[in-house]
Structure formats: C-alpha cells, structure tokens
Amino acid sequence: MNEDLAALSISEIAQQLAALAATLSELAETPVFDEPANDDDAEFVS
C-alpha cells in the first residue's frame, strides 16, 4: 500500500473520530430523561 495513501486514510479516520467525539460530547450534554415528553395520554398496562 502506498505510504501517502495510508497517511491520508489515517488522517481521514482521525478527522472522523474527532467529529464523532464532538457529536457524542454534544449528545452527552443533552438532557434525555429530565422530563417526559408527553405522558398525558400514556397508558399503563398492569
């Protein structure tokens, strides 16, 4: 495999990992379970 191509691939992978890390960081700051979205019409089956 060409060394330049390998270096480019590693660089691209690093960029993708950085983007993924940023996305996960944003998601981690997003409150998901703080409040129920809409439980007015929720049906509880016992």
C-alpha atoms as a PDB file:
ATOM      1  CA  MET A   1       0.000   0.000   0.000  1.00  0.00           C
ATOM      2  CA  ASN A   2       1.250   3.460  -0.840  1.00  0.00           C
ATOM      3  CA  GLU A   3       2.543   5.296   2.253  1.00  0.00           C
ATOM      4  CA  ASP A   4       0.903   8.554   1.168  1.00  0.00           C
ATOM      5  CA  LEU A   5      -2.442   6.808   0.776  1.00  0.00           C
ATOM      6  CA  ALA A   6      -2.051   5.161   4.186  1.00  0.00           C
ATOM      7  CA  ALA A   7      -1.254   8.504   5.797  1.00  0.00           C
ATOM      8  CA  LEU A   8      -4.263  10.099   4.122  1.00  0.00           C
ATOM      9  CA  SER A   9      -6.522   7.313   5.323  1.00  0.00           C
ATOM     10  CA  ILE A  10      -5.243   7.667   8.880  1.00  0.00           C
ATOM     11  CA  SER A  11      -5.792  11.416   8.659  1.00  0.00           C
ATOM     12  CA  GLU A  12      -9.332  10.927   7.402  1.00  0.00           C
ATOM     13  CA  ILE A  13     -10.042   8.406  10.161  1.00  0.00           C
ATOM     14  CA  ALA A  14      -8.695  10.852  12.735  1.00  0.00           C
ATOM     15  CA  GLN A  15     -10.984  13.570  11.383  1.00  0.00           C
ATOM     16  CA  GLN A  16     -13.984  11.248  11.545  1.00  0.00           C
ATOM     17  CA  LEU A  17     -13.131  10.244  15.110  1.00  0.00           C
ATOM     18  CA  ALA A  18     -12.838  13.900  16.081  1.00  0.00           C
ATOM     19  CA  ALA A  19     -16.237  14.631  14.548  1.00  0.00           C
ATOM     20  CA  LEU A  20     -17.736  11.618  16.317  1.00  0.00           C
ATOM     21  CA  ALA A  21     -16.221  12.692  19.627  1.00  0.00           C
ATOM     22  CA  ALA A  22     -17.693  16.174  19.206  1.00  0.00           C
ATOM     23  CA  THR A  23     -21.109  14.719  18.392  1.00  0.00           C
ATOM     24  CA  LEU A  24     -21.029  12.375  21.376  1.00  0.00           C
ATOM     25  CA  SER A  25     -19.939  15.247  23.597  1.00  0.00           C
ATOM     26  CA  GLU A  26     -22.936  17.297  22.459  1.00  0.00           C
ATOM     27  CA  LEU A  27     -25.268  14.347  22.999  1.00  0.00           C
ATOM     28  CA  ALA A  28     -23.852  13.803  26.480  1.00  0.00           C
ATOM     29  CA  GLU A  29     -24.851  17.370  27.369  1.00  0.00           C
ATOM     30  CA  THR A  30     -28.384  16.880  26.039  1.00  0.00           C
ATOM     31  CA  PRO A  31     -30.906  16.043  28.759  1.00  0.00           C
ATOM     32  CA  VAL A  32     -32.799  12.997  27.581  1.00  0.00           C
ATOM     33  CA  PHE A  33     -34.736  11.803  30.606  1.00  0.00           C
ATOM     34  CA  ASP A  34     -35.182  15.033  32.551  1.00  0.00           C
ATOM     35  CA  GLU A  35     -38.845  15.390  31.644  1.00  0.00           C
ATOM     36  CA  PRO A  36     -41.296  13.015  29.975  1.00  0.00           C
ATOM     37  CA  ALA A  37     -42.128  14.313  26.518  1.00  0.00           C
ATOM     38  CA  ASN A  38     -45.869  13.645  26.792  1.00  0.00           C
ATOM     39  CA  ASP A  39     -47.245  11.289  29.405  1.00  0.00           C
ATOM     40  CA  ASP A  40     -50.723  12.804  29.499  1.00  0.00           C
ATOM     41  CA  ASP A  41     -52.041  10.109  27.183  1.00  0.00           C
ATOM     42  CA  ALA A  42     -49.769   7.350  28.435  1.00  0.00           C
ATOM     43  CA  GLU A  43     -51.426   4.022  29.040  1.00  0.00           C
ATOM     44  CA  PHE A  44     -50.053   1.889  31.839  1.00  0.00           C
ATOM     45  CA  VAL A  45     -50.734  -1.803  31.402  1.00  0.00           C
ATOM     46  CA  SER A  46     -50.582  -3.841  34.590  1.00  0.00           C
END
